[in-house]
């Protein structure tokens, strides 16, 4: 990107008292988090006051967008560790180099990290060589402070001088906490999942038991502990922490003091079609969420025959949009259920 290009884009947006950092933003969506954020920000009291800064793996340069009146500035997304000082677009270009030259960059970046912080990076490198666990090596604790996008975020804040920074979801919270360490803007963190309280990639809350693990398992435990400690350090820098449910708020009590912790449920939206008349004689189960594999509706449908054996008058209604509605419907054991 040419010098001053990001500044030109920000100047074109104009004054905005609130900067919202979001891991993703429509049309780039992974679930309901991005959609619910957009439904809130597109409302008249907010859309003229906010600039959304998001991160896109496909971008080589910052790009300005407008969606339903909401100004969006998409930045090139940080690549995964150990290439996190590069953008994902730069990594994709490296992959196209002949003769395996991409491995030179991999080796260089791994060496830089190991020299900078051997206690953090050495276990992760060893784990990578031993065979990474499902989901890869979770190195957010080490990658965020030196990620590709942080310099751009700092320039955006320098130019806009906002009154507030709102960070939505875990990765954006960590980046915002890093950028705002020495800045005056207050941080509001919206937490939607268990990444600030769980050691595990699948976000289960079970404790680690490295004494019973193999060497590979012990290395994974070292990385997981360091990663969780960094995530919690970032969350403690937020002036206000918002949880989207009572359960989530209860899990965050060990990280966020009561005076900083708020519970704000997601705003409801109007249904496009009339909701079915409830069957008052049935044991009704309503499942609300994006229709994607990680939300688990298909697993519920697969278990439906067993549920009906135990609760014969059970009924299930699934509400949501996404990539897998056909798969979900294909498992429906009976019409209307």
Protein backbone atom coordinates (compact mmCIF):
# COMPACT_ATOMS: atom_id res chain seq x y z
CA UNK A 1 0.00 0.00 0.00
CA UNK A 2 1.38 3.43 -0.90
CA UNK A 3 2.26 5.82 1.91
CA UNK A 4 -0.73 7.75 3.14
CA UNK A 5 -3.31 5.51 1.43
CA UNK A 6 -4.81 4.29 4.71
CA UNK A 7 -4.96 7.90 5.93
CA UNK A 8 -6.80 8.90 2.76
CA UNK A 9 -9.38 6.16 3.31
CA UNK A 10 -9.93 7.15 6.95
CA UNK A 11 -10.22 10.83 6.02
CA UNK A 12 -12.95 9.90 3.54
CA UNK A 13 -14.98 8.29 6.31
CA UNK A 14 -15.04 11.47 8.39
CA UNK A 15 -15.30 11.87 12.19
CA UNK A 16 -16.52 8.81 14.09
CA UNK A 17 -16.69 8.82 17.91
CA UNK A 18 -16.78 5.01 18.13
CA UNK A 19 -14.46 2.49 16.47
CA UNK A 20 -15.74 -1.09 16.47
CA UNK A 21 -13.21 -3.89 15.96
CA UNK A 22 -14.75 -7.16 14.81
CA UNK A 23 -13.02 -10.41 13.84
CA UNK A 24 -15.33 -10.65 10.84
CA UNK A 25 -18.19 -8.60 9.44
CA UNK A 26 -20.88 -9.24 6.81
CA UNK A 27 -20.78 -10.36 4.10
CA UNK A 28 -17.87 -12.32 5.63
CA UNK A 29 -19.68 -14.29 8.34
CA UNK A 30 -18.98 -17.43 10.35
CA UNK A 31 -22.12 -17.37 12.49
CA UNK A 32 -24.53 -15.20 14.37
CA UNK A 33 -21.92 -12.96 16.03
CA UNK A 34 -21.24 -10.87 12.94
CA UNK A 35 -24.91 -10.77 11.94
CA UNK A 36 -26.13 -9.64 15.36
CA UNK A 37 -23.46 -6.93 15.48
CA UNK A 38 -24.54 -5.60 12.09
CA UNK A 39 -28.24 -5.65 13.02
CA UNK A 40 -27.35 -3.40 15.96
CA UNK A 41 -25.00 -1.03 14.14
CA UNK A 42 -27.25 -0.43 11.13
CA UNK A 43 -29.85 1.29 13.34
CA UNK A 44 -30.10 5.07 12.86
CA UNK A 45 -28.71 6.17 16.26
CA UNK A 46 -25.49 4.22 15.65
CA UNK A 47 -24.69 3.86 11.97
CA UNK A 48 -23.55 7.50 11.54
CA UNK A 49 -21.36 7.36 14.66
CA UNK A 50 -19.30 4.18 14.17
CA UNK A 51 -16.53 2.91 11.97
CA UNK A 52 -16.24 -0.86 11.85
CA UNK A 53 -12.68 -2.16 11.45
CA UNK A 54 -12.59 -5.82 10.46
CA UNK A 55 -10.07 -8.29 9.04
CA UNK A 56 -10.24 -10.14 5.74
CA UNK A 57 -7.91 -12.99 4.77
CA UNK A 58 -8.39 -12.34 1.06
CA UNK A 59 -7.23 -8.70 1.08
CA UNK A 60 -3.83 -7.35 0.11
CA UNK A 61 -4.72 -3.73 1.01
CA UNK A 62 -7.23 -1.96 3.27
CA UNK A 63 -10.63 -1.64 1.64
CA UNK A 64 -13.55 0.64 2.49
CA UNK A 65 -17.09 -0.72 2.27
CA UNK A 66 -20.58 0.48 3.15
CA UNK A 67 -23.29 -1.95 4.22
CA UNK A 68 -26.76 -0.63 5.04
CA UNK A 69 -25.23 2.74 5.90
CA UNK A 70 -22.52 1.26 8.15
CA UNK A 71 -18.99 2.32 7.20
CA UNK A 72 -16.62 -0.66 7.21
CA UNK A 73 -12.84 -0.61 6.82
CA UNK A 74 -11.49 -4.10 6.12
CA UNK A 75 -7.80 -4.69 6.82
CA UNK A 76 -5.63 -7.58 5.58
CA UNK A 77 -5.90 -10.29 8.24
CA UNK A 78 -2.89 -11.49 10.20
CA UNK A 79 -1.60 -14.88 9.12
CA UNK A 80 -1.44 -17.71 11.66
CA UNK A 81 1.63 -18.36 13.80
CA UNK A 82 4.53 -18.48 13.04
CA UNK A 83 3.90 -16.25 9.99
CA UNK A 84 1.78 -13.81 11.99
CA UNK A 85 3.95 -10.79 11.10
CA UNK A 86 2.70 -11.25 7.54
CA UNK A 87 -0.82 -10.93 6.18
CA UNK A 88 -2.65 -14.02 5.02
CA UNK A 89 -2.55 -12.64 1.46
CA UNK A 90 1.25 -12.44 1.66
CA UNK A 91 1.38 -16.04 2.86
CA UNK A 92 -0.81 -17.18 -0.04
CA UNK A 93 1.61 -15.50 -2.44
CA UNK A 94 4.52 -17.26 -0.73
CA UNK A 95 2.78 -20.60 -1.25
CA UNK A 96 2.84 -20.02 -4.99
CA UNK A 97 6.63 -19.66 -5.07
CA UNK A 98 8.49 -22.52 -6.83
CA UNK A 99 11.04 -24.92 -5.33
CA UNK A 100 9.60 -24.78 -1.84
CA UNK A 101 10.85 -21.24 -1.25
CA UNK A 102 7.93 -20.58 1.09
CA UNK A 103 9.75 -22.64 3.72
CA UNK A 104 12.51 -20.03 3.84
CA UNK A 105 9.98 -17.50 5.14
CA UNK A 106 8.61 -20.08 7.57
CA UNK A 107 12.10 -20.77 8.94
CA UNK A 108 12.95 -17.06 9.14
CA UNK A 109 9.79 -16.14 11.06
CA UNK A 110 10.14 -19.11 13.40
CA UNK A 111 13.75 -18.10 14.18
CA UNK A 112 12.73 -14.49 14.84
CA UNK A 113 10.07 -15.62 17.31
CA UNK A 114 12.40 -18.08 19.03
CA UNK A 115 15.08 -15.40 19.50
CA UNK A 116 12.57 -12.81 20.72
CA UNK A 117 10.86 -15.01 23.30
CA UNK A 118 12.25 -18.55 23.56
CA UNK A 119 10.11 -19.51 26.60
CA UNK A 120 6.98 -18.82 24.59
CA UNK A 121 7.94 -20.01 21.13
CA UNK A 122 10.21 -23.00 21.82
CA UNK A 123 7.43 -25.27 23.21
CA UNK A 124 5.18 -24.32 20.30
CA UNK A 125 7.90 -25.11 17.74
CA UNK A 126 8.54 -28.45 19.44
CA UNK A 127 4.81 -29.21 19.42
CA UNK A 128 4.58 -28.31 15.74
CA UNK A 129 7.42 -30.72 14.94
CA UNK A 130 5.94 -33.46 17.12
CA UNK A 131 2.60 -33.15 15.38
CA UNK A 132 0.16 -30.34 16.14
CA UNK A 133 -3.05 -31.11 18.02
CA UNK A 134 -6.47 -30.74 16.35
CA UNK A 135 -6.95 -27.09 15.44
CA UNK A 136 -3.22 -26.37 15.33
CA UNK A 137 -0.96 -24.66 17.85
CA UNK A 138 -2.88 -21.95 19.68
CA UNK A 139 -0.35 -19.11 19.85
CA UNK A 140 -2.57 -16.02 20.17
CA UNK A 141 -0.71 -15.06 23.34
CA UNK A 142 2.47 -14.58 21.33
CA UNK A 143 1.17 -13.52 17.93
CA UNK A 144 -1.13 -10.64 18.75
CA UNK A 145 1.43 -8.07 20.00
CA UNK A 146 3.41 -8.32 16.77
CA UNK A 147 0.62 -9.01 14.29
CA UNK A 148 0.38 -7.48 10.85
CA UNK A 149 -2.77 -5.39 11.46
CA UNK A 150 -1.84 -3.61 14.69
CA UNK A 151 0.07 -0.77 13.04
CA UNK A 152 -2.93 -0.01 10.82
CA UNK A 153 -5.26 0.04 13.84
CA UNK A 154 -2.98 2.50 15.61
CA UNK A 155 -2.97 4.80 12.58
CA UNK A 156 -6.77 4.67 12.37
CA UNK A 157 -7.10 5.65 16.05
CA UNK A 158 -4.48 8.40 15.68
CA UNK A 159 -6.48 9.96 12.87
CA UNK A 160 -10.00 9.54 14.25
CA UNK A 161 -9.29 10.15 17.96
CA UNK A 162 -12.47 8.25 18.95
CA UNK A 163 -14.14 8.51 22.34
CA UNK A 164 -14.53 4.74 22.64
CA UNK A 165 -13.21 1.49 21.16
CA UNK A 166 -15.62 -1.46 21.14
CA UNK A 167 -14.04 -4.88 20.48
CA UNK A 168 -16.35 -7.70 19.47
CA UNK A 169 -15.17 -11.28 19.96
CA UNK A 170 -11.93 -12.75 21.24
CA UNK A 171 -9.30 -11.98 18.62
CA UNK A 172 -10.45 -8.37 18.23
CA UNK A 173 -10.43 -7.95 22.01
CA UNK A 174 -6.81 -9.11 22.14
CA UNK A 175 -5.73 -6.81 19.32
CA UNK A 176 -7.56 -3.85 20.84
CA UNK A 177 -6.05 -4.50 24.28
CA UNK A 178 -2.57 -4.56 22.75
CA UNK A 179 -3.07 -1.38 20.72
CA UNK A 180 -4.69 0.53 23.61
CA UNK A 181 -2.05 -0.29 26.25
CA UNK A 182 -0.57 3.21 26.09
CA UNK A 183 -3.55 5.08 24.67
CA UNK A 184 -6.35 7.05 26.39
CA UNK A 185 -9.34 5.52 24.56
CA UNK A 186 -11.47 3.30 26.84
CA UNK A 187 -12.13 -0.29 25.73
CA UNK A 188 -15.45 -2.11 25.85
CA UNK A 189 -15.08 -5.86 25.25
CA UNK A 190 -18.01 -8.00 24.07
CA UNK A 191 -17.39 -11.67 24.95
CA UNK A 192 -19.43 -14.28 23.11
CA UNK A 193 -17.73 -17.58 23.97
CA UNK A 194 -15.39 -19.39 26.37
CA UNK A 195 -12.04 -18.44 24.86
CA UNK A 196 -11.17 -16.32 27.91
CA UNK A 197 -11.82 -19.16 30.34
CA UNK A 198 -11.08 -22.39 28.44
CA UNK A 199 -7.69 -23.99 27.83
CA UNK A 200 -9.02 -26.09 24.98
CA UNK A 201 -9.60 -25.37 21.31
CA UNK A 202 -13.15 -26.78 21.52
CA UNK A 203 -13.84 -24.37 24.44
CA UNK A 204 -14.79 -27.05 26.92
CA UNK A 205 -14.14 -25.96 30.51
CA UNK A 206 -12.39 -29.15 31.67
CA UNK A 207 -9.06 -28.54 33.44
CA UNK A 208 -5.74 -29.63 31.98
CA UNK A 209 -4.09 -32.69 33.54
CA UNK A 210 -0.57 -32.72 32.07
CA UNK A 211 0.64 -35.33 34.59
CA UNK A 212 -1.35 -37.94 32.71
CA UNK A 213 -0.31 -36.77 29.25
CA UNK A 214 2.32 -37.82 26.76
CA UNK A 215 5.22 -35.51 25.92
CA UNK A 216 3.14 -34.11 23.07
CA UNK A 217 0.26 -33.56 25.47
CA UNK A 218 2.53 -31.80 27.95
CA UNK A 219 3.80 -29.45 25.25
CA UNK A 220 0.22 -28.71 24.27
CA UNK A 221 -0.61 -27.96 27.92
CA UNK A 222 2.31 -25.50 28.19
CA UNK A 223 1.11 -23.62 25.10
CA UNK A 224 -2.52 -23.69 26.24
CA UNK A 225 -1.68 -22.26 29.68
CA UNK A 226 0.41 -19.45 28.23
CA UNK A 227 -2.25 -18.65 25.63
CA UNK A 228 -5.05 -18.51 28.20
CA UNK A 229 -2.96 -16.32 30.51
CA UNK A 230 -2.38 -13.86 27.68
CA UNK A 231 -6.05 -13.77 26.68
CA UNK A 232 -7.07 -13.08 30.27
CA UNK A 233 -4.45 -10.33 30.59
CA UNK A 234 -5.96 -8.68 27.53
CA UNK A 235 -9.50 -8.93 28.87
CA UNK A 236 -8.47 -7.33 32.17
CA UNK A 237 -7.46 -4.19 30.24
CA UNK A 238 -11.09 -3.57 29.23
CA UNK A 239 -12.99 -0.98 31.23
CA UNK A 240 -16.27 -2.80 30.61
CA UNK A 241 -16.73 -6.50 29.79
CA UNK A 242 -20.08 -7.48 28.28
CA UNK A 243 -21.26 -11.10 28.29
CA UNK A 244 -24.16 -12.24 26.13
CA UNK A 245 -25.68 -14.69 28.64
CA UNK A 246 -25.95 -15.29 32.39
CA UNK A 247 -23.93 -18.51 32.04
CA UNK A 248 -21.12 -16.74 30.19
CA UNK A 249 -21.10 -13.93 32.73
CA UNK A 250 -20.73 -16.46 35.55
CA UNK A 251 -17.68 -18.02 33.90
CA UNK A 252 -16.04 -14.60 33.52
CA UNK A 253 -16.35 -13.62 37.19
CA UNK A 254 -12.82 -14.87 37.88
CA UNK A 255 -11.42 -12.64 35.13
CA UNK A 256 -13.56 -9.48 35.28
CA UNK A 257 -14.51 -7.76 38.53
CA UNK A 258 -18.28 -7.34 39.17
CA UNK A 259 -18.11 -3.57 38.64
CA UNK A 260 -16.70 -4.13 35.13
CA UNK A 261 -18.90 -7.06 34.13
CA UNK A 262 -22.25 -6.56 32.39
CA UNK A 263 -24.75 -9.02 30.93
CA UNK A 264 -26.48 -7.78 27.79
CA UNK A 265 -28.54 -10.34 25.82
CA UNK A 266 -28.54 -10.13 22.05
CA UNK A 267 -31.26 -7.92 20.59
CA UNK A 268 -34.22 -9.80 19.06
CA UNK A 269 -35.13 -9.24 15.42
CA UNK A 270 -38.45 -9.42 13.62
CA UNK A 271 -39.24 -12.71 11.91
CA UNK A 272 -39.76 -12.60 8.17
CA UNK A 273 -42.52 -15.21 8.35
CA UNK A 274 -45.24 -15.85 10.97
CA UNK A 275 -44.00 -18.13 13.73
CA UNK A 276 -45.79 -21.54 13.83
CA UNK A 277 -48.62 -21.85 16.32
CA UNK A 278 -47.21 -23.71 19.34
CA UNK A 279 -48.46 -27.18 20.13
CA UNK A 280 -49.30 -26.87 23.82
CA UNK A 281 -49.56 -30.64 24.20
CA UNK A 282 -45.96 -31.13 23.07
CA UNK A 283 -42.67 -30.87 24.95
CA UNK A 284 -41.30 -28.12 22.72
CA UNK A 285 -37.59 -27.58 22.00
CA UNK A 286 -36.58 -24.42 20.15
CA UNK A 287 -33.04 -24.30 18.71
CA UNK A 288 -31.91 -20.85 17.54
CA UNK A 289 -28.59 -20.41 15.76
CA UNK A 290 -26.81 -20.29 12.44
CA UNK A 291 -27.11 -23.51 10.48
CA UNK A 292 -23.45 -24.44 10.38
CA UNK A 293 -21.65 -27.63 11.33
CA UNK A 294 -20.13 -26.22 14.52
CA UNK A 295 -23.52 -25.24 16.00
CA UNK A 296 -24.59 -28.85 16.43
CA UNK A 297 -28.17 -28.89 15.12
CA UNK A 298 -27.41 -31.93 12.98
CA UNK A 299 -26.24 -33.83 16.08
CA UNK A 300 -29.53 -33.07 17.79
CA UNK A 301 -31.46 -34.33 14.78
CA UNK A 302 -29.38 -37.53 14.73
CA UNK A 303 -30.21 -38.08 18.40
CA UNK A 304 -33.91 -37.40 17.84
CA UNK A 305 -35.07 -41.05 17.75
CA UNK A 306 -33.56 -41.61 21.19
CA UNK A 307 -35.13 -38.39 22.49
CA UNK A 308 -38.55 -39.52 21.23
CA UNK A 309 -38.17 -42.83 23.07
CA UNK A 310 -37.71 -40.92 26.33
CA UNK A 311 -40.10 -38.02 25.61
CA UNK A 312 -42.73 -39.27 23.13
CA UNK A 313 -44.52 -35.90 22.85
CA UNK A 314 -41.33 -33.94 22.07
CA UNK A 315 -41.23 -31.47 19.19
CA UNK A 316 -38.26 -29.58 17.80
CA UNK A 317 -38.25 -26.28 15.90
CA UNK A 318 -34.98 -25.06 14.39
CA UNK A 319 -34.65 -21.38 13.53
CA UNK A 320 -31.69 -20.03 11.62
CA UNK A 321 -29.95 -19.49 8.33
CA UNK A 322 -26.70 -20.89 7.01
CA UNK A 323 -24.88 -23.33 4.80
CA UNK A 324 -26.33 -26.62 6.07
CA UNK A 325 -30.16 -26.40 6.31
CA UNK A 326 -30.60 -29.29 3.88
CA UNK A 327 -28.42 -31.58 5.99
CA UNK A 328 -30.34 -30.57 9.10
CA UNK A 329 -33.72 -31.22 7.47
CA UNK A 330 -32.53 -34.52 6.00
CA UNK A 331 -32.22 -35.96 9.48
CA UNK A 332 -35.75 -34.92 10.51
CA UNK A 333 -37.39 -38.15 11.72
CA UNK A 334 -40.96 -37.05 11.11
CA UNK A 335 -42.87 -34.17 9.53
CA UNK A 336 -43.28 -31.27 11.96
CA UNK A 337 -40.66 -32.56 14.34
